[in-house]
Protein backbone atom coordinates (compact mmCIF):
# COMPACT_ATOMS: atom_id res chain seq x y z
CA UNK A 1 0.00 0.00 0.00
CA UNK A 2 2.74 2.44 0.97
CA UNK A 3 4.63 1.89 -2.27
CA UNK A 4 1.41 2.13 -4.32
CA UNK A 5 0.45 5.44 -2.74
CA UNK A 6 3.93 6.90 -3.03
CA UNK A 7 4.18 6.45 -6.81
CA UNK A 8 1.41 8.97 -7.68
CA UNK A 9 2.90 11.38 -5.17
CA UNK A 10 6.32 11.03 -6.76
CA UNK A 11 4.83 11.55 -10.23
CA UNK A 12 3.01 14.67 -9.04
CA UNK A 13 6.18 16.04 -7.49
CA UNK A 14 8.16 15.40 -10.68
CA UNK A 15 5.45 17.03 -12.83
CA UNK A 16 5.32 20.02 -10.46
CA UNK A 17 9.07 20.46 -10.65
CA UNK A 18 9.03 20.19 -14.43
CA UNK A 19 6.21 22.76 -14.57
CA UNK A 20 8.22 25.48 -12.84
CA UNK A 21 10.04 27.78 -15.26
CA UNK A 22 12.34 30.63 -14.20
CA UNK A 23 12.17 33.67 -16.47
CA UNK A 24 15.09 36.11 -16.33
CA UNK A 25 14.72 39.88 -16.30
CA UNK A 26 15.52 40.26 -19.99
CA UNK A 27 13.20 37.45 -21.19
CA UNK A 28 9.46 36.98 -21.51
CA UNK A 29 7.46 33.77 -21.88
CA UNK A 30 4.45 33.57 -24.21
CA UNK A 31 2.18 30.93 -22.62
CA UNK A 32 -0.48 28.88 -24.44
CA UNK A 33 -3.20 26.65 -22.88
CA UNK A 34 -4.46 23.89 -25.16
CA UNK A 35 -3.13 25.82 -28.17
CA UNK A 36 -4.79 29.12 -27.28
CA UNK A 37 -2.84 32.18 -26.20
CA UNK A 38 -3.12 32.76 -22.49
CA UNK A 39 -0.71 35.51 -21.49
CA UNK A 40 2.84 36.84 -21.61
CA UNK A 41 4.62 36.09 -18.34
CA UNK A 42 7.88 37.10 -16.68
CA UNK A 43 10.22 37.86 -15.19
CA UNK A 44 10.29 35.41 -12.27
CA UNK A 45 8.94 31.87 -11.76
CA UNK A 46 5.91 30.68 -13.72
CA UNK A 47 4.11 27.33 -14.00
CA UNK A 48 3.76 25.59 -17.35
CA UNK A 49 1.97 22.25 -16.98
CA UNK A 50 3.29 19.72 -19.53
CA UNK A 51 0.71 18.37 -21.95
CA UNK A 52 -1.77 21.15 -21.19
CA UNK A 53 0.30 24.27 -21.45
CA UNK A 54 3.15 25.28 -23.75
CA UNK A 55 5.40 28.31 -23.75
CA UNK A 56 7.95 30.05 -25.96
CA UNK A 57 10.74 32.20 -24.58
CA UNK A 58 11.43 35.58 -26.22
CA UNK A 59 14.45 37.77 -25.44
CA UNK A 60 13.95 41.52 -25.04
CA UNK A 61 17.63 42.40 -25.42
CA UNK A 62 18.99 44.20 -28.46
CA UNK A 63 20.05 41.73 -31.16
CA UNK A 64 22.95 42.53 -33.48
CA UNK A 65 22.39 41.13 -36.96
CA UNK A 66 25.37 40.96 -39.31
CA UNK A 67 23.92 41.11 -42.82
CA UNK A 68 26.14 39.00 -45.14
CA UNK A 69 27.73 40.72 -48.17
CA UNK A 70 25.21 41.38 -50.93
CA UNK A 71 25.98 41.74 -54.65
CA UNK A 72 24.81 45.22 -55.66
CA UNK A 73 24.62 46.78 -59.12
CA UNK A 74 24.35 50.53 -58.73
CA UNK A 75 22.36 52.87 -60.90
CA UNK A 76 25.46 53.67 -62.97
CA UNK A 77 26.09 49.92 -63.59
CA UNK A 78 28.94 49.35 -61.15
CA UNK A 79 29.07 45.96 -59.43
CA UNK A 80 30.11 45.81 -55.77
CA UNK A 81 29.62 43.90 -52.53
CA UNK A 82 28.04 45.63 -49.54
CA UNK A 83 27.33 44.35 -46.04
CA UNK A 84 25.65 46.00 -43.07
CA UNK A 85 24.80 45.66 -39.39
CA UNK A 86 21.23 45.84 -38.06
CA UNK A 87 20.35 46.50 -34.41
CA UNK A 88 16.83 45.48 -33.36
CA UNK A 89 14.86 44.23 -30.38
CA UNK A 90 11.46 42.68 -29.64
CA UNK A 91 8.99 45.20 -28.28
CA UNK A 92 5.89 42.98 -28.31
CA UNK A 93 6.62 39.29 -27.51
CA UNK A 94 3.05 38.27 -28.33
CA UNK A 95 3.28 39.56 -31.92
CA UNK A 96 6.82 38.19 -32.34
CA UNK A 97 5.51 34.67 -31.65
CA UNK A 98 2.08 34.77 -33.29
CA UNK A 99 2.51 37.03 -36.33
CA UNK A 100 5.67 35.43 -37.76
CA UNK A 101 7.10 31.93 -37.56
CA UNK A 102 10.70 32.96 -36.84
CA UNK A 103 11.15 36.68 -36.33
CA UNK A 104 14.97 36.50 -36.30
CA UNK A 105 15.16 34.67 -39.63
CA UNK A 106 12.47 36.89 -41.14
CA UNK A 107 14.29 40.05 -40.05
CA UNK A 108 17.54 38.77 -41.55
CA UNK A 109 15.93 38.06 -44.93
CA UNK A 110 14.07 41.39 -45.10
CA UNK A 111 17.33 43.19 -44.23
CA UNK A 112 19.14 41.51 -47.13
CA UNK A 113 16.45 42.27 -49.70
CA UNK A 114 16.05 45.85 -48.48
CA UNK A 115 19.80 46.43 -48.68
CA UNK A 116 19.88 45.27 -52.30
CA UNK A 117 16.80 47.21 -53.39
CA UNK A 118 17.75 50.52 -51.76
CA UNK A 119 21.42 50.58 -52.77
CA UNK A 120 20.60 49.44 -56.30
CA UNK A 121 18.77 52.74 -56.87
CA UNK A 122 21.82 54.87 -56.03
CA UNK A 123 24.90 55.85 -57.97
CA UNK A 124 28.32 54.85 -56.69
CA UNK A 125 29.29 58.38 -55.66
CA UNK A 126 26.12 58.78 -53.60
CA UNK A 127 26.66 55.38 -51.99
CA UNK A 128 30.16 56.37 -50.86
CA UNK A 129 29.39 59.92 -49.74
CA UNK A 130 25.86 59.77 -48.25
CA UNK A 131 26.25 57.04 -45.63
CA UNK A 132 24.17 58.72 -42.93
CA UNK A 133 21.25 59.36 -45.27
CA UNK A 134 21.35 55.78 -46.58
CA UNK A 135 21.51 54.33 -43.05
CA UNK A 136 18.49 56.39 -42.00
CA UNK A 137 16.49 55.30 -45.06
CA UNK A 138 17.33 51.63 -44.48
CA UNK A 139 16.33 51.89 -40.81
CA UNK A 140 12.95 53.45 -41.65
CA UNK A 141 12.14 50.84 -44.31
CA UNK A 142 13.13 47.89 -42.12
CA UNK A 143 11.26 49.29 -39.13
CA UNK A 144 8.07 49.67 -41.17
CA UNK A 145 8.31 46.03 -42.32
CA UNK A 146 9.08 44.55 -38.88
CA UNK A 147 6.64 46.64 -36.85
CA UNK A 148 3.70 44.20 -37.42
CA UNK A 149 5.92 41.48 -35.91
CA UNK A 150 6.50 43.46 -32.71
CA UNK A 151 10.14 44.09 -33.67
CA UNK A 152 11.75 47.54 -33.49
CA UNK A 153 14.76 48.26 -35.73
CA UNK A 154 16.75 50.95 -33.94
CA UNK A 155 19.82 51.32 -36.15
CA UNK A 156 21.28 50.22 -39.49
CA UNK A 157 24.91 50.80 -40.44
CA UNK A 158 26.46 50.04 -43.83
CA UNK A 159 29.84 48.48 -42.96
CA UNK A 160 32.00 47.74 -45.99
CA UNK A 161 31.73 48.60 -49.67
CA UNK A 162 33.99 46.36 -51.75
CA UNK A 163 34.68 47.89 -55.16
CA UNK A 164 36.16 45.96 -58.11
CA UNK A 165 39.94 46.40 -58.62
CA UNK A 166 39.57 48.28 -61.92
CA UNK A 167 37.27 50.80 -60.23
CA UNK A 168 39.78 51.31 -57.41
CA UNK A 169 42.51 52.03 -59.95
CA UNK A 170 40.28 54.50 -61.79
CA UNK A 171 39.43 56.27 -58.53
CA UNK A 172 43.12 56.44 -57.61
CA UNK A 173 43.94 58.06 -60.97
CA UNK A 174 41.08 60.50 -60.52
CA UNK A 175 42.27 61.44 -57.04
CA UNK A 176 45.84 61.93 -58.30
CA UNK A 177 44.64 64.15 -61.15
CA UNK A 178 42.56 66.17 -58.69
CA UNK A 179 45.59 66.69 -56.43
CA UNK A 180 47.69 67.83 -59.40
CA UNK A 181 44.95 70.24 -60.46
CA UNK A 182 44.79 71.74 -56.98
CA UNK A 183 48.59 72.06 -56.85
CA UNK A 184 48.64 73.93 -60.18
CA UNK A 185 45.82 76.22 -59.08
CA UNK A 186 47.59 76.99 -55.80
CA UNK A 187 50.86 77.65 -57.67
CA UNK A 188 49.11 79.97 -60.12
CA UNK A 189 47.42 81.85 -57.28
CA UNK A 190 50.83 82.25 -55.61
CA UNK A 191 52.33 83.61 -58.84
CA UNK A 192 49.47 86.07 -59.16
CA UNK A 193 49.87 87.33 -55.60
CA UNK A 194 53.65 87.56 -56.06
CA UNK A 195 53.25 89.58 -59.26
CA UNK A 196 50.89 91.97 -57.52
CA UNK A 197 53.34 92.48 -54.67
CA UNK A 198 56.26 92.95 -57.11
CA UNK A 199 54.25 95.52 -59.03
CA UNK A 200 53.58 97.42 -55.81
CA UNK A 201 57.28 97.19 -54.86
CA UNK A 202 58.38 98.48 -58.27
CA UNK A 203 56.03 101.41 -57.95
CA UNK A 204 57.48 102.32 -54.54
CA UNK A 205 61.09 101.98 -55.76
CA UNK A 206 60.40 104.10 -58.83
CA UNK A 207 59.29 107.00 -56.67
CA UNK A 208 62.74 107.17 -54.96
CA UNK A 209 65.76 106.07 -57.11
CA UNK A 210 68.07 105.95 -54.06
CA UNK A 211 65.99 103.13 -52.60
CA UNK A 212 66.95 100.97 -55.59
CA UNK A 213 70.65 101.39 -54.73
CA UNK A 214 69.93 100.43 -51.14
CA UNK A 215 68.22 97.33 -52.40
CA UNK A 216 71.37 96.45 -54.40
CA UNK A 217 73.49 96.78 -51.29
CA UNK A 218 71.10 94.66 -49.26
CA UNK A 219 71.25 91.91 -51.86
CA UNK A 220 75.06 91.97 -51.77
CA UNK A 221 75.00 91.66 -47.99
CA UNK A 222 72.72 88.63 -48.21
CA UNK A 223 75.06 86.95 -50.74
CA UNK A 224 78.17 87.64 -48.59
CA UNK A 225 76.61 85.84 -45.62
CA UNK A 226 76.95 82.49 -47.41
CA UNK A 227 80.78 83.01 -47.84
CA UNK A 228 80.42 82.92 -51.58
CA UNK A 229 83.68 83.31 -53.55
CA UNK A 230 81.89 85.10 -56.38
CA UNK A 231 82.07 88.88 -56.18
CA UNK A 232 79.26 90.89 -57.69
CA UNK A 233 79.57 94.57 -58.51
CA UNK A 234 76.23 96.23 -59.07
CA UNK A 235 76.24 98.43 -62.16
CA UNK A 236 73.50 101.01 -62.47
CA UNK A 237 71.19 100.39 -65.35
CA UNK A 238 71.60 103.99 -66.47
CA UNK A 239 75.28 103.39 -67.28
CA UNK A 240 74.51 100.34 -69.38
CA UNK A 241 71.86 102.27 -71.26
CA UNK A 242 74.46 104.93 -72.18
CA UNK A 243 76.74 102.30 -73.81
CA UNK A 244 73.80 100.84 -75.64
CA UNK A 245 72.92 104.27 -77.07
CA UNK A 246 76.50 104.83 -78.32
CA UNK A 247 76.41 101.55 -80.18
């Protein structure tokens, strides 16, 4: 009798222990009774009776999704590989379980297709220079698609843009030509400023002929500082002009 009575008690104890589930602070448990939604429970201990009740655990923490590289053909027919990172979290565990079979897999697929469709409408220059605008557009599109699933996409970042080697060489040549153009423009601007200053200096020297002789002497002093063996005698231009007139 004692053994016969103890077996049901043992079974009840085992079932009771198996029915107790501990839900952490960052998780929620969607509980069903005979296939019908009952409630969303957690955090803390809950009871899920086997055979009658079932439950599915859903994490509320932010999930980082690494979107694999996608083959993109831009609007100007340039082929490249682009990958991105998506940050999202479940805001409504009930919708995440009921509205979609696997919200993580579904979010990954919609991120890949959205990345290809959005970037395929852009030209290469816009793709490389307008990262913030592209990230914002991707985030809004993904969030609108995942909202019915109870998923909130908080951030999308385009990581790497792999260009073909021939395009990298062309961009390097373009950058080099641009640097040469800027150097020539800067040099020309310097020549223009120098000519303006020389014109002003000539005007000042022409007003006082003695200042020109002082400039000759100053030039000689600067040459003598370097211990140069060459001796220079400044000859006034007026004297040379006299010999030229006699000839």
